[in-house]
Amino acid sequence: MDELVALGSLLASMLRVSTPLILCALAGTLCERAGVIDLGLEGKMLFTAFAAASVGVVSGSLALALLAAIAVGVALSMLHGYACVSHRGDQVVLGMAITMTAAGLTVVLGIAWFKMGGQTPPLPDAVRLGPLFPGLADAVRGIPVLGPVLDLGLLGHDAFVYGALLMVVAVWWLLYRTRFGLRLRAAGENPAMVDAAGVSVLKMRYAALGLNGVLSALAGSYLVLALTPSFIPNMTAGRGYMALAAMIFGKWHPGGALAACLLFGFLEALAIRLQGAALPALLGGGQVPVQAIQALPYLMTVVLLAGFIGRAYAPKALGTPYIKER
């Protein structure tokens, strides 16, 4: 029974940790499928997490906190589009500029507004996300063998966890089963063909960036609405880059990105469980260094990308500004 409880807890941690990675990886997939590089995912997550926390603390409203995060996320994506799509700026430089600006500006605003060293006060319970099916989780708890796994691992989550999984299906359907998705992918592969068909390449890329902003905002707001009760400086801790790595590991496909995010989430959840674990006697005993455990997900990300990804072909027009022929 203890093993089943541990398995359920590990599965629950994996899904919770994977949720912001999944949403952020989908945001990057949509954007880059349209031909726009987005290295600002980390900064967008950080900005939107701060917006959700600040508005949530002041208003006490979950809806307003989400709306503020989405507004900030879409605004950053539109800025990205204005500089890189309309004016053909360097997409890599702008993405890094968004991330660096977010790291500094959120701390400055946090100090100015809340006087707590860049942090925000804890969000009230009314703003925090709770389990979506609490009654169902309680009902299956007594089922032999599978009860603890279903209760802890699958049915005790909030709406964002299930929504992120459904969003993978929605993005796949949008990209591969709709005319809009066909045009969006063509904008990243052969924008001249899209233009010749009478469709605006710029509008398709702006549409992808708009969706990118919404998904990035959901990923960032989840950090403060579910994982941590208040905003902490640099709380994204590289999650945006891990999502970018998951997108590449998944070969710019929603299903592949999901698998990579779940793998990274499992590694991070396992690292949390391993804290305080003992080293074998052959290695001198004692506890595993905390730093080594914290570095495990990032180290495995590098190893997997370097050795197991195989050939991954980016969209052919990725990072290339489109200049309309006259």
Protein backbone atom coordinates (compact mmCIF):
# COMPACT_ATOMS: atom_id res chain seq x y z
CA MET A 1 0.00 0.00 0.00
CA ASP A 2 2.84 2.38 0.80
CA GLU A 3 4.31 1.72 -2.65
CA LEU A 4 0.97 2.57 -4.29
CA VAL A 5 0.69 5.80 -2.31
CA ALA A 6 4.24 6.70 -3.34
CA LEU A 7 3.41 5.92 -6.98
CA GLY A 8 0.27 8.05 -6.81
CA SER A 9 2.18 10.94 -5.24
CA LEU A 10 4.91 10.70 -7.90
CA LEU A 11 2.32 10.69 -10.70
CA ALA A 12 0.54 13.67 -9.16
CA SER A 13 3.79 15.63 -8.86
CA MET A 14 4.72 14.77 -12.43
CA LEU A 15 1.43 16.10 -13.82
CA ARG A 16 1.54 19.28 -11.72
CA VAL A 17 5.13 20.04 -12.67
CA SER A 18 4.50 19.20 -16.34
CA THR A 19 1.45 21.46 -16.73
CA PRO A 20 3.27 24.80 -17.22
CA LEU A 21 5.82 23.07 -19.46
CA ILE A 22 3.05 21.64 -21.65
CA LEU A 23 1.27 24.97 -22.03
CA CYS A 24 4.52 26.81 -22.73
CA ALA A 25 5.72 24.18 -25.22
CA LEU A 26 2.41 24.43 -27.10
CA ALA A 27 2.84 28.21 -27.19
CA GLY A 28 6.28 27.79 -28.74
CA THR A 29 5.02 25.15 -31.18
CA LEU A 30 2.33 27.45 -32.59
CA CYS A 31 4.70 30.38 -32.85
CA GLU A 32 7.57 28.53 -34.46
CA ARG A 33 5.32 26.55 -36.81
CA ALA A 34 4.39 29.95 -38.23
CA GLY A 35 8.06 30.82 -38.70
CA VAL A 36 8.75 33.03 -35.65
CA ILE A 37 11.45 32.03 -33.16
CA ASP A 38 10.39 32.62 -29.57
CA LEU A 39 13.19 32.64 -27.02
CA GLY A 40 11.07 34.91 -24.84
CA LEU A 41 8.91 32.11 -23.41
CA GLU A 42 10.77 32.32 -20.11
CA GLY A 43 10.20 36.06 -19.87
CA LYS A 44 6.54 35.81 -20.86
CA MET A 45 5.94 33.21 -18.17
CA LEU A 46 7.66 35.40 -15.60
CA PHE A 47 5.79 38.58 -16.59
CA THR A 48 2.40 36.85 -16.62
CA ALA A 49 3.05 35.11 -13.30
CA PHE A 50 3.78 38.51 -11.76
CA ALA A 51 0.66 40.03 -13.35
CA ALA A 52 -1.58 37.21 -12.09
CA ALA A 53 -0.12 37.41 -8.58
CA SER A 54 -0.33 41.20 -8.35
CA VAL A 55 -3.90 41.48 -9.60
CA GLY A 56 -4.96 38.43 -7.59
CA VAL A 57 -3.61 39.92 -4.36
CA VAL A 58 -5.19 43.33 -4.96
CA SER A 59 -8.57 42.21 -6.34
CA GLY A 60 -9.06 38.81 -4.72
CA SER A 61 -10.55 37.59 -8.00
CA LEU A 62 -9.35 34.54 -9.91
CA ALA A 63 -10.99 35.76 -13.12
CA LEU A 64 -9.30 39.16 -12.96
CA ALA A 65 -5.94 37.55 -12.22
CA LEU A 66 -6.26 35.33 -15.30
CA LEU A 67 -7.43 38.22 -17.48
CA ALA A 68 -4.46 40.34 -16.36
CA ALA A 69 -2.03 37.53 -17.15
CA ILE A 70 -3.57 36.95 -20.60
CA ALA A 71 -3.51 40.69 -21.36
CA VAL A 72 0.19 40.89 -20.48
CA GLY A 73 1.01 37.72 -22.42
CA VAL A 74 -0.77 38.86 -25.57
CA ALA A 75 0.78 42.35 -25.28
CA LEU A 76 4.28 40.85 -25.13
CA SER A 77 3.54 38.64 -28.13
CA MET A 78 2.22 41.62 -30.08
CA LEU A 79 5.40 43.52 -29.19
CA HIS A 80 7.32 40.54 -30.51
CA GLY A 81 5.29 40.64 -33.70
CA TYR A 82 5.62 44.40 -34.15
CA ALA A 83 9.39 44.28 -33.86
CA CYS A 84 10.10 41.01 -35.68
CA VAL A 85 7.20 40.41 -38.08
CA SER A 86 6.29 43.94 -39.13
CA HIS A 87 9.77 45.49 -38.90
CA ARG A 88 11.88 42.36 -39.48
CA GLY A 89 13.94 42.68 -36.30
CA ASP A 90 16.21 39.96 -34.95
CA GLN A 91 13.90 37.38 -33.37
CA VAL A 92 16.55 35.81 -31.15
CA VAL A 93 17.71 39.13 -29.74
CA LEU A 94 14.15 40.30 -29.01
CA GLY A 95 13.26 37.04 -27.29
CA MET A 96 16.27 37.32 -25.01
CA ALA A 97 15.48 41.00 -24.40
CA ILE A 98 11.96 40.09 -23.23
CA THR A 99 13.35 37.51 -20.82
CA MET A 100 16.04 39.81 -19.43
CA THR A 101 13.58 42.68 -19.05
CA ALA A 102 11.10 40.43 -17.26
CA ALA A 103 13.76 39.23 -14.81
CA GLY A 104 14.58 42.79 -13.79
CA LEU A 105 11.27 44.65 -14.16
CA THR A 106 9.21 42.19 -12.13
CA VAL A 107 11.60 42.59 -9.20
CA VAL A 108 11.60 46.39 -9.47
CA LEU A 109 7.79 46.58 -9.65
CA GLY A 110 7.45 44.06 -6.84
CA ILE A 111 9.67 46.12 -4.56
CA ALA A 112 7.89 49.35 -5.48
CA TRP A 113 4.37 48.00 -5.04
CA PHE A 114 4.61 45.48 -2.20
CA LYS A 115 7.84 46.35 -0.33
CA MET A 116 8.68 42.66 0.10
CA GLY A 117 11.98 42.34 -1.72
CA GLY A 118 10.36 41.65 -5.07
CA GLN A 119 7.86 39.12 -3.79
CA THR A 120 4.11 39.55 -3.60
CA PRO A 121 1.97 38.74 -0.57
CA PRO A 122 0.40 35.26 -0.59
CA LEU A 123 -2.69 34.98 -2.75
CA PRO A 124 -5.99 34.48 -0.90
CA ASP A 125 -7.60 31.05 -1.09
CA ALA A 126 -10.34 32.42 -3.37
CA VAL A 127 -7.73 33.06 -6.06
CA ARG A 128 -5.92 29.75 -5.73
CA LEU A 129 -6.88 26.76 -7.86
CA GLY A 130 -8.44 23.79 -6.06
CA PRO A 131 -9.17 20.18 -7.11
CA LEU A 132 -11.70 19.93 -9.93
CA PHE A 133 -13.20 16.59 -8.82
CA PRO A 134 -12.83 16.41 -5.01
CA GLY A 135 -15.91 14.23 -4.57
CA LEU A 136 -14.83 11.76 -7.24
CA ALA A 137 -11.36 11.50 -5.74
CA ASP A 138 -12.84 10.67 -2.34
CA ALA A 139 -15.16 8.08 -3.91
CA VAL A 140 -12.38 6.04 -5.52
CA ARG A 141 -10.02 6.20 -2.54
CA GLY A 142 -11.31 2.92 -1.12
CA ILE A 143 -10.94 0.90 -4.32
CA PRO A 144 -8.42 -1.92 -3.75
CA VAL A 145 -5.01 -1.55 -5.38
CA LEU A 146 -5.93 1.24 -7.82
CA GLY A 147 -7.62 3.54 -5.29
CA PRO A 148 -4.51 5.42 -4.07
CA VAL A 149 -3.17 5.83 -7.61
CA LEU A 150 -6.48 7.17 -8.95
CA ASP A 151 -7.08 9.38 -5.91
CA LEU A 152 -3.63 10.94 -5.60
CA GLY A 153 -2.30 10.59 -9.11
CA LEU A 154 -5.18 11.29 -11.49
CA LEU A 155 -8.28 12.75 -9.83
CA GLY A 156 -6.93 15.26 -7.31
CA HIS A 157 -5.87 17.94 -9.77
CA ASP A 158 -7.17 21.38 -10.70
CA ALA A 159 -8.72 22.44 -14.01
CA PHE A 160 -5.40 23.62 -15.48
CA VAL A 161 -3.87 20.11 -15.37
CA TYR A 162 -6.74 18.55 -17.31
CA GLY A 163 -7.02 21.62 -19.50
CA ALA A 164 -3.35 21.39 -20.50
CA LEU A 165 -3.84 17.78 -21.64
CA LEU A 166 -6.95 18.75 -23.60
CA MET A 167 -5.09 21.69 -25.08
CA VAL A 168 -2.60 19.28 -26.66
CA VAL A 169 -5.48 17.67 -28.57
CA ALA A 170 -6.92 21.08 -29.45
CA VAL A 171 -3.61 22.40 -30.82
CA TRP A 172 -3.04 19.18 -32.79
CA TRP A 173 -6.53 19.47 -34.29
CA LEU A 174 -5.98 23.15 -35.07
CA LEU A 175 -2.65 22.55 -36.80
CA TYR A 176 -3.46 19.36 -38.73
CA ARG A 177 -7.23 19.29 -39.24
CA THR A 178 -8.18 22.89 -40.08
CA ARG A 179 -7.57 25.25 -42.99
CA PHE A 180 -6.20 27.80 -40.53
CA GLY A 181 -3.64 25.28 -39.31
CA LEU A 182 -2.60 24.40 -42.84
CA ARG A 183 -2.01 28.07 -43.63
CA LEU A 184 -0.18 28.61 -40.34
CA ARG A 185 2.19 25.72 -41.01
CA ALA A 186 2.69 26.89 -44.58
CA ALA A 187 3.67 30.33 -43.27
CA GLY A 188 6.57 28.65 -41.51
CA GLU A 189 7.53 26.37 -44.38
CA ASN A 190 6.91 28.36 -47.57
CA PRO A 191 5.56 31.84 -46.89
CA ALA A 192 5.80 32.82 -50.56
CA MET A 193 3.28 30.12 -51.41
CA VAL A 194 0.92 31.44 -48.73
CA ASP A 195 1.24 34.93 -50.14
CA ALA A 196 0.64 33.65 -53.68
CA ALA A 197 -2.60 32.05 -52.46
CA GLY A 198 -3.82 35.49 -51.35
CA VAL A 199 -3.32 34.91 -47.61
CA SER A 200 -1.37 37.45 -45.55
CA VAL A 201 1.77 35.90 -44.08
CA LEU A 202 1.96 38.70 -41.52
CA LYS A 203 -1.60 38.08 -40.33
CA MET A 204 -0.95 34.35 -39.95
CA ARG A 205 2.18 35.03 -37.90
CA TYR A 206 0.38 37.59 -35.75
CA ALA A 207 -2.44 35.07 -35.16
CA ALA A 208 0.11 32.47 -34.06
CA LEU A 209 1.73 35.02 -31.75
CA GLY A 210 -1.64 35.89 -30.25
CA LEU A 211 -2.30 32.23 -29.41
CA ASN A 212 1.27 32.01 -28.15
CA GLY A 213 0.60 34.90 -25.74
CA VAL A 214 -2.54 33.27 -24.33
CA LEU A 215 -0.87 29.90 -23.72
CA SER A 216 2.24 31.54 -22.24
CA ALA A 217 -0.02 33.49 -19.89
CA LEU A 218 -1.80 30.34 -18.75
CA ALA A 219 1.58 28.68 -18.12
CA GLY A 220 2.87 31.64 -16.12
CA SER A 221 -0.30 32.18 -14.10
CA TYR A 222 -0.37 28.49 -13.15
CA LEU A 223 2.89 28.96 -11.27
CA VAL A 224 1.26 31.35 -8.77
CA LEU A 225 -2.31 30.05 -8.86
CA ALA A 226 -1.41 26.44 -8.14
CA LEU A 227 2.27 25.66 -7.53
CA THR A 228 3.44 28.58 -5.34
CA PRO A 229 1.08 30.86 -3.35
CA SER A 230 2.94 34.08 -4.22
CA PHE A 231 5.24 35.50 -6.86
CA ILE A 232 8.96 35.00 -6.20
CA PRO A 233 11.68 36.67 -8.30
CA ASN A 234 12.86 34.43 -11.14
CA MET A 235 10.40 31.74 -10.04
CA THR A 236 10.24 30.27 -13.56
CA ALA A 237 13.73 28.83 -12.92
CA GLY A 238 14.39 27.97 -16.56
CA ARG A 239 10.99 26.38 -17.25
CA GLY A 240 10.60 28.44 -20.42
CA TYR A 241 13.84 27.06 -21.79
CA MET A 242 12.87 23.53 -20.75
CA ALA A 243 9.59 23.98 -22.64
CA LEU A 244 11.56 25.17 -25.65
CA ALA A 245 13.75 22.08 -25.37
CA ALA A 246 10.64 19.89 -25.09
CA MET A 247 9.24 21.48 -28.25
CA ILE A 248 12.46 20.66 -30.13
CA PHE A 249 12.61 17.18 -28.56
CA GLY A 250 9.03 16.68 -29.76
CA LYS A 251 9.99 17.87 -33.26
CA TRP A 252 7.56 20.79 -33.28
CA HIS A 253 4.57 18.44 -32.86
CA PRO A 254 2.04 18.80 -30.00
CA GLY A 255 2.11 15.08 -29.20
CA GLY A 256 5.88 14.93 -29.16
CA ALA A 257 6.05 18.06 -27.01
CA LEU A 258 3.61 16.46 -24.55
CA ALA A 259 5.75 13.33 -24.25
CA ALA A 260 8.89 15.39 -23.68
CA CYS A 261 7.19 17.60 -21.07
CA LEU A 262 5.90 14.56 -19.19
CA LEU A 263 9.41 13.11 -19.24
CA PHE A 264 10.91 16.35 -17.92
CA GLY A 265 8.13 16.58 -15.34
CA PHE A 266 8.84 13.04 -14.21
CA LEU A 267 12.53 13.82 -13.81
CA GLU A 268 11.77 16.94 -11.77
CA ALA A 269 9.22 15.10 -9.61
CA LEU A 270 11.73 12.30 -9.09
CA ALA A 271 14.38 14.85 -8.10
CA ILE A 272 12.01 16.23 -5.46
CA ARG A 273 11.39 12.74 -4.10
CA LEU A 274 15.12 11.98 -4.01
CA GLN A 275 15.98 14.90 -1.74
CA GLY A 276 17.36 13.44 1.46
CA ALA A 277 18.03 10.04 -0.13
CA ALA A 278 21.09 8.14 1.09
CA LEU A 279 24.11 7.31 -1.07
CA PRO A 280 25.17 3.65 -1.37
CA ALA A 281 27.88 2.48 1.00
CA LEU A 282 30.28 2.03 -1.95
CA LEU A 283 30.06 5.79 -2.54
CA GLY A 284 30.77 6.65 1.05
CA GLY A 285 27.21 6.81 2.41
CA GLY A 286 25.63 10.04 3.53
CA GLN A 287 22.94 11.96 1.69
CA VAL A 288 22.83 12.77 -1.99
CA PRO A 289 23.88 16.43 -2.42
CA VAL A 290 20.86 18.67 -2.86
CA GLN A 291 22.60 20.54 -5.69
CA ALA A 292 23.07 17.32 -7.65
CA ILE A 293 19.39 16.44 -7.27
CA GLN A 294 18.23 19.91 -8.29
CA ALA A 295 20.44 19.76 -11.38
CA LEU A 296 19.12 16.33 -12.43
CA PRO A 297 16.19 17.51 -14.62
CA TYR A 298 18.36 20.04 -16.46
CA LEU A 299 21.24 17.59 -16.89
CA MET A 300 18.91 14.91 -18.27
CA THR A 301 17.38 17.49 -20.61
CA VAL A 302 20.80 18.16 -22.12
CA VAL A 303 21.61 14.43 -22.35
CA LEU A 304 18.31 13.57 -24.01
CA LEU A 305 18.53 16.41 -26.51
CA ALA A 306 22.15 15.59 -27.32
CA GLY A 307 21.81 11.84 -27.67
CA PHE A 308 18.25 10.67 -28.24
CA ILE A 309 16.37 13.26 -30.25
CA GLY A 310 17.50 11.99 -33.66
CA ARG A 311 16.93 14.23 -36.64
CA ALA A 312 14.65 17.17 -35.94
CA TYR A 313 13.87 19.45 -38.84
CA ALA A 314 12.71 22.94 -37.94
CA PRO A 315 10.22 24.75 -40.19
CA LYS A 316 12.18 25.88 -43.24
CA ALA A 317 11.30 29.57 -42.89
CA LEU A 318 11.82 29.67 -39.12
CA GLY A 319 13.48 32.91 -38.09
CA THR A 320 13.35 34.35 -41.62
CA PRO A 321 11.41 37.62 -41.97
CA TYR A 322 9.09 37.58 -44.95
CA ILE A 323 9.55 40.33 -47.50
CA LYS A 324 6.67 40.56 -49.94
CA GLU A 325 7.79 40.50 -53.54
CA ARG A 326 6.49 43.38 -55.66
